Amino acid sequence: MDQPDPADADGPPDGADAWVVFAIVDPTDHRVFYVGTVHGTRAYRMGEHPRVDDRLRALRQAGAAPVFVVLEETQGGAAAERAQVFWVDVLLMRGNRLLNEGGYRPPARTAKPKLTPEQRERSLRQRALERGLPENTGQPWTAEQDADLARLYRDEGVGGTALQEHFRRTRGSIAARLVKLGLLTDKAELRG
């Protein structure tokens, strides 16, 4: 088995979301006792898992140095979670007694509560404002707004910039709606 500490390895794969799946081996019996993941090249830190911390302290007090082994390098946290589940299952089948013996399972995803239409609209407006976008970004178009848009663009010749201000929407949204209404064949045709 390879013995580099994840912090000292050549590094994970290139990319902003590189993860390492590692094992900690007890040097006295050469068995893996923990499988974990770290983001980037950060090593395991004491205080993250009390049972692992206790085992590491006991080994060090006995004069033994735990061995960190890189099992796999992945891109993305979800891939790291899947890899960790795989390695926990493999090592358990090979007779290792892991401190995460129940097998690692990602936390259950809780369903987001259903929002009322009013709550959804407020949420979309808030996100748009936080991102510096017009207030109505992401909002559905109403039949009244469609009629108003068609009238302003087709009959009054109002340009894209004025329509953006009037409807408090992005230029792309205005152009896409005009295409949908059949007033443009391509979004790039939006004038002014």
N, C-alpha and C. Protein backbone atom coordinates (compact mmCIF):
# COMPACT_ATOMS: atom_id res chain seq x y z
N MET A 1 0.85 -1.20 0.00
CA MET A 1 0.00 0.00 0.00
C MET A 1 0.88 1.24 0.00
N ASP A 2 0.43 2.23 -0.72
CA ASP A 2 1.10 3.52 -0.76
C ASP A 2 0.89 4.20 0.59
N GLN A 3 1.83 5.06 1.03
CA GLN A 3 1.70 5.63 2.36
C GLN A 3 1.76 7.14 2.43
N PRO A 4 1.44 7.90 1.41
CA PRO A 4 1.52 9.35 1.56
C PRO A 4 0.37 9.91 2.37
N ASP A 5 0.67 10.97 3.07
CA ASP A 5 -0.35 11.74 3.76
C ASP A 5 -1.04 12.56 2.69
N PRO A 6 -2.39 12.66 2.67
CA PRO A 6 -3.05 13.43 1.63
C PRO A 6 -2.53 14.85 1.52
N ALA A 7 -2.04 15.42 2.60
CA ALA A 7 -1.54 16.79 2.55
C ALA A 7 -0.20 16.86 1.84
N ASP A 8 0.56 15.76 1.78
CA ASP A 8 1.88 15.76 1.19
C ASP A 8 1.90 15.15 -0.20
N ALA A 9 0.76 14.63 -0.66
CA ALA A 9 0.73 13.98 -1.97
C ALA A 9 0.96 15.01 -3.07
N ASP A 10 1.23 14.54 -4.28
CA ASP A 10 1.43 15.44 -5.40
C ASP A 10 0.21 16.32 -5.62
N GLY A 11 -0.88 15.95 -5.09
CA GLY A 11 -2.08 16.76 -5.19
C GLY A 11 -3.16 16.02 -5.93
N PRO A 12 -4.37 16.46 -5.72
CA PRO A 12 -5.50 15.84 -6.39
C PRO A 12 -5.54 16.27 -7.84
N PRO A 13 -6.47 15.72 -8.60
CA PRO A 13 -6.57 16.10 -10.01
C PRO A 13 -6.76 17.60 -10.14
N ASP A 14 -6.31 18.13 -11.27
CA ASP A 14 -6.50 19.55 -11.50
C ASP A 14 -7.98 19.87 -11.47
N GLY A 15 -8.29 21.01 -10.94
CA GLY A 15 -9.68 21.44 -10.93
C GLY A 15 -10.03 22.06 -9.61
N ALA A 16 -11.03 22.91 -9.63
CA ALA A 16 -11.42 23.64 -8.44
C ALA A 16 -12.14 22.78 -7.43
N ASP A 17 -12.67 21.62 -7.85
CA ASP A 17 -13.46 20.82 -6.93
C ASP A 17 -12.85 19.43 -6.74
N ALA A 18 -11.54 19.39 -6.49
CA ALA A 18 -10.83 18.12 -6.33
C ALA A 18 -11.00 17.60 -4.90
N TRP A 19 -11.25 16.30 -4.77
CA TRP A 19 -11.44 15.64 -3.48
C TRP A 19 -10.53 14.41 -3.43
N VAL A 20 -10.16 14.03 -2.21
CA VAL A 20 -9.35 12.83 -1.99
C VAL A 20 -10.11 11.93 -1.01
N VAL A 21 -10.22 10.66 -1.36
CA VAL A 21 -10.76 9.65 -0.46
C VAL A 21 -9.55 8.94 0.13
N PHE A 22 -9.47 8.91 1.46
CA PHE A 22 -8.28 8.36 2.12
C PHE A 22 -8.66 7.33 3.16
N ALA A 23 -7.68 6.54 3.54
CA ALA A 23 -7.85 5.56 4.62
C ALA A 23 -6.77 5.83 5.65
N ILE A 24 -7.09 5.53 6.91
CA ILE A 24 -6.09 5.59 7.97
C ILE A 24 -5.84 4.16 8.41
N VAL A 25 -4.56 3.78 8.38
CA VAL A 25 -4.16 2.40 8.68
C VAL A 25 -3.47 2.36 10.04
N ASP A 26 -3.83 1.36 10.84
CA ASP A 26 -3.16 1.11 12.11
C ASP A 26 -1.87 0.36 11.80
N PRO A 27 -0.70 0.93 12.11
CA PRO A 27 0.56 0.28 11.77
C PRO A 27 0.84 -0.99 12.59
N THR A 28 0.11 -1.17 13.70
CA THR A 28 0.38 -2.35 14.52
C THR A 28 -0.26 -3.61 13.94
N ASP A 29 -1.40 -3.47 13.25
CA ASP A 29 -2.02 -4.67 12.65
C ASP A 29 -2.24 -4.52 11.14
N HIS A 30 -1.82 -3.40 10.60
CA HIS A 30 -1.89 -3.13 9.16
C HIS A 30 -3.32 -3.17 8.62
N ARG A 31 -4.27 -2.78 9.45
CA ARG A 31 -5.67 -2.76 9.03
C ARG A 31 -6.17 -1.32 8.98
N VAL A 32 -7.03 -1.09 8.02
CA VAL A 32 -7.66 0.23 7.90
C VAL A 32 -8.69 0.35 9.01
N PHE A 33 -8.70 1.50 9.69
CA PHE A 33 -9.72 1.70 10.71
C PHE A 33 -10.63 2.89 10.42
N TYR A 34 -10.33 3.63 9.35
CA TYR A 34 -11.21 4.75 9.00
C TYR A 34 -11.04 5.10 7.53
N VAL A 35 -12.15 5.44 6.87
CA VAL A 35 -12.14 5.94 5.50
C VAL A 35 -12.83 7.29 5.52
N GLY A 36 -12.16 8.28 4.95
CA GLY A 36 -12.73 9.63 4.93
C GLY A 36 -12.49 10.33 3.62
N THR A 37 -12.99 11.54 3.53
CA THR A 37 -12.77 12.38 2.35
C THR A 37 -12.27 13.73 2.81
N VAL A 38 -11.47 14.35 1.96
CA VAL A 38 -11.03 15.72 2.20
C VAL A 38 -11.12 16.49 0.89
N HIS A 39 -11.39 17.75 1.01
CA HIS A 39 -11.49 18.62 -0.17
C HIS A 39 -10.11 19.17 -0.47
N GLY A 40 -9.68 19.04 -1.71
CA GLY A 40 -8.36 19.54 -2.09
C GLY A 40 -7.27 18.72 -1.46
N THR A 41 -6.27 19.40 -0.96
CA THR A 41 -5.13 18.69 -0.37
C THR A 41 -5.14 18.77 1.15
N ARG A 42 -6.21 19.29 1.73
CA ARG A 42 -6.29 19.41 3.19
C ARG A 42 -6.29 18.02 3.81
N ALA A 43 -5.51 17.85 4.85
CA ALA A 43 -5.41 16.56 5.53
C ALA A 43 -6.48 16.45 6.62
N TYR A 44 -6.63 15.25 7.16
CA TYR A 44 -7.53 15.04 8.28
C TYR A 44 -7.09 15.93 9.43
N ARG A 45 -8.02 16.57 10.09
CA ARG A 45 -7.71 17.42 11.24
C ARG A 45 -8.34 16.85 12.49
N MET A 46 -7.58 16.86 13.57
CA MET A 46 -8.11 16.41 14.85
C MET A 46 -9.34 17.26 15.17
N GLY A 47 -10.33 16.62 15.78
CA GLY A 47 -11.54 17.32 16.15
C GLY A 47 -12.69 17.08 15.19
N GLU A 48 -12.40 16.45 14.06
CA GLU A 48 -13.46 16.20 13.09
C GLU A 48 -14.31 15.00 13.45
N HIS A 49 -13.68 13.95 14.01
CA HIS A 49 -14.40 12.73 14.38
C HIS A 49 -13.82 12.25 15.71
N PRO A 50 -14.55 12.37 16.82
CA PRO A 50 -14.02 12.02 18.14
C PRO A 50 -13.47 10.60 18.24
N ARG A 51 -14.14 9.61 17.65
CA ARG A 51 -13.65 8.23 17.74
C ARG A 51 -12.33 8.05 17.00
N VAL A 52 -12.20 8.71 15.86
CA VAL A 52 -10.94 8.65 15.11
C VAL A 52 -9.84 9.36 15.90
N ASP A 53 -10.17 10.51 16.47
CA ASP A 53 -9.20 11.26 17.27
C ASP A 53 -8.67 10.41 18.42
N ASP A 54 -9.58 9.70 19.12
CA ASP A 54 -9.16 8.84 20.23
C ASP A 54 -8.20 7.75 19.75
N ARG A 55 -8.51 7.14 18.62
CA ARG A 55 -7.66 6.07 18.08
C ARG A 55 -6.29 6.63 17.68
N LEU A 56 -6.27 7.79 17.05
CA LEU A 56 -5.00 8.40 16.66
C LEU A 56 -4.14 8.74 17.88
N ARG A 57 -4.77 9.29 18.93
CA ARG A 57 -4.04 9.61 20.17
C ARG A 57 -3.45 8.34 20.79
N ALA A 58 -4.27 7.28 20.83
CA ALA A 58 -3.80 6.02 21.42
C ALA A 58 -2.61 5.47 20.64
N LEU A 59 -2.66 5.52 19.33
CA LEU A 59 -1.54 5.05 18.52
C LEU A 59 -0.28 5.88 18.78
N ARG A 60 -0.44 7.18 18.82
CA ARG A 60 0.72 8.05 19.02
C ARG A 60 1.30 7.86 20.42
N GLN A 61 0.43 7.68 21.42
CA GLN A 61 0.92 7.44 22.77
C GLN A 61 1.68 6.13 22.86
N ALA A 62 1.32 5.16 22.02
CA ALA A 62 2.00 3.87 22.00
C ALA A 62 3.27 3.92 21.14
N GLY A 63 3.56 5.11 20.59
CA GLY A 63 4.76 5.26 19.77
C GLY A 63 4.59 4.84 18.33
N ALA A 64 3.36 4.63 17.90
CA ALA A 64 3.11 4.22 16.52
C ALA A 64 2.57 5.40 15.72
N ALA A 65 2.94 5.49 14.48
CA ALA A 65 2.46 6.57 13.62
C ALA A 65 1.41 6.01 12.66
N PRO A 66 0.21 6.55 12.68
CA PRO A 66 -0.82 6.07 11.76
C PRO A 66 -0.39 6.36 10.32
N VAL A 67 -0.84 5.53 9.41
CA VAL A 67 -0.48 5.68 7.99
C VAL A 67 -1.72 6.16 7.24
N PHE A 68 -1.55 7.25 6.50
CA PHE A 68 -2.62 7.77 5.67
C PHE A 68 -2.38 7.29 4.25
N VAL A 69 -3.42 6.69 3.65
CA VAL A 69 -3.31 6.15 2.30
C VAL A 69 -4.36 6.81 1.42
N VAL A 70 -3.94 7.34 0.29
CA VAL A 70 -4.88 7.89 -0.68
C VAL A 70 -5.49 6.72 -1.44
N LEU A 71 -6.80 6.58 -1.34
CA LEU A 71 -7.49 5.50 -2.03
C LEU A 71 -7.95 5.92 -3.43
N GLU A 72 -8.38 7.17 -3.53
CA GLU A 72 -8.93 7.62 -4.80
C GLU A 72 -8.98 9.14 -4.81
N GLU A 73 -8.82 9.69 -6.00
CA GLU A 73 -8.97 11.13 -6.20
C GLU A 73 -10.19 11.34 -7.09
N THR A 74 -11.04 12.28 -6.73
CA THR A 74 -12.27 12.52 -7.49
C THR A 74 -12.44 14.00 -7.77
N GLN A 75 -13.36 14.29 -8.62
CA GLN A 75 -13.78 15.66 -8.89
C GLN A 75 -15.20 15.81 -8.36
N GLY A 76 -15.38 16.66 -7.39
CA GLY A 76 -16.72 16.93 -6.86
C GLY A 76 -17.03 16.15 -5.61
N GLY A 77 -17.78 16.81 -4.72
CA GLY A 77 -18.16 16.20 -3.46
C GLY A 77 -19.05 14.98 -3.60
N ALA A 78 -19.96 15.02 -4.58
CA ALA A 78 -20.86 13.87 -4.77
C ALA A 78 -20.07 12.64 -5.20
N ALA A 79 -19.09 12.82 -6.08
CA ALA A 79 -18.25 11.70 -6.52
C ALA A 79 -17.43 11.18 -5.34
N ALA A 80 -16.96 12.08 -4.48
CA ALA A 80 -16.19 11.66 -3.30
C ALA A 80 -17.06 10.84 -2.35
N GLU A 81 -18.32 11.25 -2.18
CA GLU A 81 -19.23 10.50 -1.31
C GLU A 81 -19.46 9.09 -1.85
N ARG A 82 -19.67 8.99 -3.16
CA ARG A 82 -19.88 7.65 -3.77
C ARG A 82 -18.63 6.79 -3.61
N ALA A 83 -17.46 7.40 -3.82
CA ALA A 83 -16.21 6.66 -3.69
C ALA A 83 -16.01 6.22 -2.24
N GLN A 84 -16.34 7.07 -1.29
CA GLN A 84 -16.19 6.71 0.12
C GLN A 84 -17.09 5.54 0.47
N VAL A 85 -18.33 5.56 0.00
CA VAL A 85 -19.25 4.44 0.25
C VAL A 85 -18.65 3.16 -0.32
N PHE A 86 -18.14 3.23 -1.54
CA PHE A 86 -17.54 2.06 -2.18
C PHE A 86 -16.39 1.51 -1.33
N TRP A 87 -15.45 2.38 -0.93
CA TRP A 87 -14.28 1.91 -0.18
C TRP A 87 -14.65 1.38 1.19
N VAL A 88 -15.61 1.99 1.86
CA VAL A 88 -16.05 1.47 3.16
C VAL A 88 -16.60 0.06 2.97
N ASP A 89 -17.45 -0.12 1.96
CA ASP A 89 -18.02 -1.45 1.73
C ASP A 89 -16.95 -2.48 1.39
N VAL A 90 -15.99 -2.13 0.53
CA VAL A 90 -14.91 -3.05 0.15
C VAL A 90 -14.08 -3.43 1.37
N LEU A 91 -13.69 -2.45 2.16
CA LEU A 91 -12.82 -2.73 3.30
C LEU A 91 -13.55 -3.53 4.39
N LEU A 92 -14.85 -3.27 4.55
CA LEU A 92 -15.62 -4.08 5.51
C LEU A 92 -15.68 -5.53 5.04
N MET A 93 -15.88 -5.74 3.74
CA MET A 93 -15.92 -7.10 3.21
C MET A 93 -14.57 -7.81 3.38
N ARG A 94 -13.49 -7.06 3.45
CA ARG A 94 -12.17 -7.66 3.62
C ARG A 94 -11.79 -7.82 5.08
N GLY A 95 -12.74 -7.59 5.98
CA GLY A 95 -12.50 -7.88 7.39
C GLY A 95 -11.97 -6.72 8.22
N ASN A 96 -11.89 -5.55 7.68
CA ASN A 96 -11.45 -4.38 8.47
C ASN A 96 -12.59 -3.94 9.37
N ARG A 97 -12.24 -3.55 10.58
CA ARG A 97 -13.23 -3.00 11.49
C ARG A 97 -13.06 -1.49 11.47
N LEU A 98 -13.98 -0.83 10.81
CA LEU A 98 -13.89 0.61 10.64
C LEU A 98 -14.66 1.35 11.72
N LEU A 99 -14.12 2.51 12.07
CA LEU A 99 -14.85 3.34 13.03
C LEU A 99 -16.12 3.89 12.39
N ASN A 100 -16.13 3.96 11.10
CA ASN A 100 -17.37 4.30 10.39
C ASN A 100 -17.94 3.00 9.82
N GLU A 101 -18.03 1.99 10.71
CA GLU A 101 -18.38 0.62 10.35
C GLU A 101 -19.77 0.48 9.75
N GLY A 102 -20.69 1.32 10.16
CA GLY A 102 -22.02 1.24 9.59
C GLY A 102 -21.99 1.62 8.13
N GLY A 103 -20.82 2.00 7.66
CA GLY A 103 -20.69 2.46 6.29
C GLY A 103 -21.07 3.91 6.22
N TYR A 104 -20.36 4.63 5.43
CA TYR A 104 -20.68 6.04 5.27
C TYR A 104 -21.85 6.16 4.33
N ARG A 105 -22.81 6.90 4.71
CA ARG A 105 -23.92 7.22 3.83
C ARG A 105 -24.10 8.73 3.90
N PRO A 106 -24.22 9.36 2.75
CA PRO A 106 -24.43 10.80 2.77
C PRO A 106 -25.70 11.14 3.53
N PRO A 107 -25.73 12.31 4.12
CA PRO A 107 -26.94 12.69 4.85
C PRO A 107 -28.15 12.65 3.92
N ALA A 108 -29.26 12.21 4.47
CA ALA A 108 -30.48 12.14 3.66
C ALA A 108 -30.86 13.55 3.22
N ARG A 109 -31.23 13.65 1.99
CA ARG A 109 -31.65 14.96 1.49
C ARG A 109 -33.10 15.16 1.86
N THR A 110 -33.35 16.28 2.46
CA THR A 110 -34.72 16.58 2.84
C THR A 110 -35.38 17.34 1.71
N ALA A 111 -36.62 17.01 1.50
CA ALA A 111 -37.37 17.68 0.44
C ALA A 111 -37.58 19.13 0.82
N LYS A 112 -37.38 20.00 -0.15
CA LYS A 112 -37.62 21.42 0.11
C LYS A 112 -39.12 21.61 0.27
N PRO A 113 -39.50 22.46 1.23
CA PRO A 113 -40.93 22.70 1.39
C PRO A 113 -41.50 23.39 0.15
N LYS A 114 -42.71 23.03 -0.19
CA LYS A 114 -43.38 23.65 -1.32
C LYS A 114 -43.68 25.11 -0.96
N LEU A 115 -43.34 25.98 -1.88
CA LEU A 115 -43.61 27.40 -1.68
C LEU A 115 -44.94 27.76 -2.32
N THR A 116 -45.62 28.68 -1.68
CA THR A 116 -46.82 29.22 -2.31
C THR A 116 -46.37 30.08 -3.48
N PRO A 117 -47.24 30.36 -4.41
CA PRO A 117 -46.84 31.24 -5.52
C PRO A 117 -46.29 32.59 -5.04
N GLU A 118 -46.87 33.13 -3.98
CA GLU A 118 -46.41 34.41 -3.46
C GLU A 118 -45.00 34.28 -2.87
N GLN A 119 -44.76 33.19 -2.13
CA GLN A 119 -43.43 32.97 -1.55
C GLN A 119 -42.39 32.76 -2.65
N ARG A 120 -42.77 32.01 -3.70
CA ARG A 120 -41.85 31.78 -4.81
C ARG A 120 -41.50 33.09 -5.49
N GLU A 121 -42.50 33.93 -5.72
CA GLU A 121 -42.28 35.21 -6.37
C GLU A 121 -41.35 36.09 -5.53
N ARG A 122 -41.59 36.15 -4.21
CA ARG A 122 -40.71 36.93 -3.33
C ARG A 122 -39.29 36.39 -3.36
N SER A 123 -39.15 35.06 -3.35
CA SER A 123 -37.83 34.43 -3.37
C SER A 123 -37.09 34.76 -4.66
N LEU A 124 -37.77 34.65 -5.79
CA LEU A 124 -37.14 34.96 -7.07
C LEU A 124 -36.72 36.42 -7.14
N ARG A 125 -37.59 37.31 -6.66
CA ARG A 125 -37.26 38.74 -6.66
C ARG A 125 -36.05 39.02 -5.78
N GLN A 126 -36.02 38.41 -4.61
CA GLN A 126 -34.91 38.63 -3.68
C GLN A 126 -33.60 38.16 -4.30
N ARG A 127 -33.60 36.96 -4.91
CA ARG A 127 -32.39 36.44 -5.54
C ARG A 127 -31.94 37.33 -6.68
N ALA A 128 -32.89 37.81 -7.47
CA ALA A 128 -32.54 38.70 -8.59
C ALA A 128 -31.88 39.97 -8.07
N LEU A 129 -32.45 40.56 -7.04
CA LEU A 129 -31.89 41.79 -6.49
C LEU A 129 -30.51 41.56 -5.89
N GLU A 130 -30.33 40.41 -5.21
CA GLU A 130 -29.02 40.09 -4.63
C GLU A 130 -27.95 39.94 -5.70
N ARG A 131 -28.36 39.52 -6.88
CA ARG A 131 -27.40 39.31 -7.98
C ARG A 131 -27.29 40.53 -8.88
N GLY A 132 -27.96 41.62 -8.52
CA GLY A 132 -27.89 42.83 -9.31
C GLY A 132 -28.70 42.75 -10.61
N LEU A 133 -29.68 41.87 -10.64
CA LEU A 133 -30.51 41.71 -11.83
C LEU A 133 -31.81 42.49 -11.64
N PRO A 134 -32.52 42.75 -12.74
CA PRO A 134 -33.80 43.44 -12.61
C PRO A 134 -34.77 42.66 -11.71
N GLU A 135 -35.63 43.40 -11.09
CA GLU A 135 -36.55 42.85 -10.08
C GLU A 135 -37.44 41.71 -10.57
N ASN A 136 -37.86 41.72 -11.83
CA ASN A 136 -38.77 40.70 -12.33
C ASN A 136 -38.07 39.53 -13.02
N THR A 137 -36.76 39.43 -12.86
CA THR A 137 -36.02 38.32 -13.45
C THR A 137 -36.57 37.00 -12.92
N GLY A 138 -36.88 36.09 -13.85
CA GLY A 138 -37.37 34.77 -13.46
C GLY A 138 -38.86 34.70 -13.20
N GLN A 139 -39.53 35.82 -13.20
CA GLN A 139 -40.98 35.83 -12.96
C GLN A 139 -41.71 35.40 -14.23
N PRO A 140 -42.83 34.70 -14.08
CA PRO A 140 -43.60 34.33 -15.27
C PRO A 140 -44.25 35.58 -15.88
N TRP A 141 -44.45 35.52 -17.18
CA TRP A 141 -45.13 36.61 -17.88
C TRP A 141 -46.63 36.39 -17.76
N THR A 142 -47.36 37.47 -17.57
CA THR A 142 -48.82 37.39 -17.54
C THR A 142 -49.35 37.73 -18.93
N ALA A 143 -50.61 37.39 -19.17
CA ALA A 143 -51.25 37.71 -20.45
C ALA A 143 -51.28 39.23 -20.64
N GLU A 144 -51.51 39.94 -19.56
CA GLU A 144 -51.55 41.41 -19.62
C GLU A 144 -50.17 41.97 -20.02
N GLN A 145 -49.11 41.41 -19.43
CA GLN A 145 -47.76 41.87 -19.77
C GLN A 145 -47.42 41.53 -21.22
N ASP A 146 -47.86 40.35 -21.69
CA ASP A 146 -47.63 39.97 -23.08
C ASP A 146 -48.28 40.99 -24.02
N ALA A 147 -49.53 41.34 -23.72
CA ALA A 147 -50.26 42.30 -24.57
C ALA A 147 -49.57 43.66 -24.54
N ASP A 148 -49.14 44.08 -23.36
CA ASP A 148 -48.45 45.36 -23.20
C ASP A 148 -47.13 45.35 -23.96
N LEU A 149 -46.38 44.25 -23.86
CA LEU A 149 -45.10 44.13 -24.57
C LEU A 149 -45.32 44.20 -26.08
N ALA A 150 -46.29 43.46 -26.57
CA ALA A 150 -46.57 43.46 -28.00
C ALA A 150 -46.97 44.86 -28.48
N ARG A 151 -47.82 45.51 -27.73
CA ARG A 151 -48.27 46.86 -28.09
C ARG A 151 -47.10 47.84 -28.12
N LEU A 152 -46.28 47.83 -27.06
CA LEU A 152 -45.16 48.77 -26.98
C LEU A 152 -44.14 48.52 -28.09
N TYR A 153 -43.82 47.27 -28.35
CA TYR A 153 -42.78 46.95 -29.34
C TYR A 153 -43.29 47.12 -30.77
N ARG A 154 -44.42 46.50 -31.07
CA ARG A 154 -44.92 46.48 -32.45
C ARG A 154 -45.57 47.81 -32.83
N ASP A 155 -46.45 48.30 -31.97
CA ASP A 155 -47.26 49.46 -32.35
C ASP A 155 -46.56 50.80 -32.05
N GLU A 156 -45.82 50.86 -30.94
CA GLU A 156 -45.22 52.14 -30.56
C GLU A 156 -43.73 52.20 -30.86
N GLY A 157 -43.13 51.07 -31.28
CA GLY A 157 -41.72 51.08 -31.66
C GLY A 157 -40.74 51.27 -30.51
N VAL A 158 -41.14 50.92 -29.30
CA VAL A 158 -40.26 51.07 -28.14
C VAL A 158 -39.13 50.05 -28.26
N GLY A 159 -37.90 50.48 -27.98
CA GLY A 159 -36.72 49.63 -28.11
C GLY A 159 -36.44 48.78 -26.87
N GLY A 160 -35.44 47.94 -27.00
CA GLY A 160 -35.09 46.98 -25.95
C GLY A 160 -34.75 47.60 -24.61
N THR A 161 -33.95 48.67 -24.62
CA THR A 161 -33.53 49.30 -23.36
C THR A 161 -34.72 49.85 -22.59
N ALA A 162 -35.62 50.54 -23.30
CA ALA A 162 -36.81 51.09 -22.66
C ALA A 162 -37.73 49.96 -22.16
N LEU A 163 -37.82 48.88 -22.95
CA LEU A 163 -38.65 47.74 -22.52
C LEU A 163 -38.06 47.09 -21.27
N GLN A 164 -36.74 47.00 -21.19
CA GLN A 164 -36.09 46.44 -19.99
C GLN A 164 -36.49 47.24 -18.76
N GLU A 165 -36.42 48.56 -18.89
CA GLU A 165 -36.76 49.43 -17.75
C GLU A 165 -38.23 49.32 -17.40
N HIS A 166 -39.07 49.31 -18.42
CA HIS A 166 -40.52 49.26 -18.19
C HIS A 166 -40.94 47.96 -17.48
N PHE A 167 -40.44 46.83 -17.97
CA PHE A 167 -40.85 45.54 -17.43
C PHE A 167 -39.94 45.05 -16.29
N ARG A 168 -38.85 45.76 -16.04
CA ARG A 168 -37.86 45.39 -15.01
C ARG A 168 -37.40 43.94 -15.21
N ARG A 169 -36.95 43.68 -16.46
CA ARG A 169 -36.46 42.37 -16.86
C ARG A 169 -35.18 42.55 -17.66
N THR A 170 -34.47 41.43 -17.87
CA THR A 170 -33.23 41.49 -18.65
C THR A 170 -33.54 41.63 -20.13
N ARG A 171 -32.55 42.10 -20.86
CA ARG A 171 -32.70 42.23 -22.32
C ARG A 171 -32.98 40.86 -22.95
N GLY A 172 -32.30 39.82 -22.46
CA GLY A 172 -32.52 38.47 -22.98
C GLY A 172 -33.94 38.00 -22.76
N SER A 173 -34.51 38.34 -21.62
CA SER A 173 -35.88 37.94 -21.31
C SER A 173 -36.87 38.65 -22.24
N ILE A 174 -36.64 39.93 -22.46
CA ILE A 174 -37.51 40.69 -23.36
C ILE A 174 -37.44 40.09 -24.77
N ALA A 175 -36.22 39.87 -25.25
CA ALA A 175 -36.04 39.33 -26.60
C ALA A 175 -36.66 37.95 -26.73
N ALA A 176 -36.46 37.08 -25.73
CA ALA A 176 -37.02 35.73 -25.78
C ALA A 176 -38.55 35.77 -25.81
N ARG A 177 -39.13 36.71 -25.07
CA ARG A 177 -40.59 36.80 -25.05
C ARG A 177 -41.12 37.30 -26.39
N LEU A 178 -40.39 38.23 -26.99
CA LEU A 178 -40.81 38.73 -28.31
C LEU A 178 -40.74 37.62 -29.36
N VAL A 179 -39.74 36.74 -29.25
CA VAL A 179 -39.66 35.59 -30.15
C VAL A 179 -40.86 34.68 -29.91
N LYS A 180 -41.16 34.42 -28.64
CA LYS A 180 -42.28 33.53 -28.30
C LYS A 180 -43.60 34.10 -28.81
N LEU A 181 -43.73 35.42 -28.79
CA LEU A 181 -44.95 36.07 -29.25
C LEU A 181 -45.00 36.19 -30.78
N GLY A 182 -43.92 35.79 -31.44
CA GLY A 182 -43.88 35.83 -32.90
C GLY A 182 -43.54 37.20 -33.46
N LEU A 183 -43.07 38.11 -32.62
CA LEU A 183 -42.73 39.46 -33.08
C LEU A 183 -41.27 39.56 -33.53
N LEU A 184 -40.46 38.58 -33.19
CA LEU A 184 -39.08 38.47 -33.65
C LEU A 184 -38.86 37.02 -34.08
N THR A 185 -37.95 36.82 -35.03
CA THR A 185 -37.59 35.44 -35.39
C THR A 185 -36.34 35.00 -34.65
N ASP A 186 -35.54 35.97 -34.20
CA ASP A 186 -34.31 35.68 -33.47
C ASP A 186 -34.10 36.74 -32.41
N LYS A 187 -33.62 36.33 -31.25
CA LYS A 187 -33.41 37.28 -30.14
C LYS A 187 -32.46 38.41 -30.51
N ALA A 188 -31.50 38.14 -31.41
CA ALA A 188 -30.52 39.15 -31.78
C ALA A 188 -31.16 40.31 -32.56
N GLU A 189 -32.37 40.13 -33.03
CA GLU A 189 -33.04 41.18 -33.81
C GLU A 189 -33.59 42.31 -32.95
N LEU A 190 -33.60 42.17 -31.64
CA LEU A 190 -34.18 43.19 -30.76
C LEU A 190 -33.48 44.52 -30.98
N ARG A 191 -34.23 45.53 -31.33
CA ARG A 191 -33.65 46.84 -31.60
C ARG A 191 -33.58 47.68 -30.32
N GLY A 192 -32.69 48.63 -30.36
CA GLY A 192 -32.56 49.63 -29.30
C GLY A 192 -32.36 49.07 -27.99
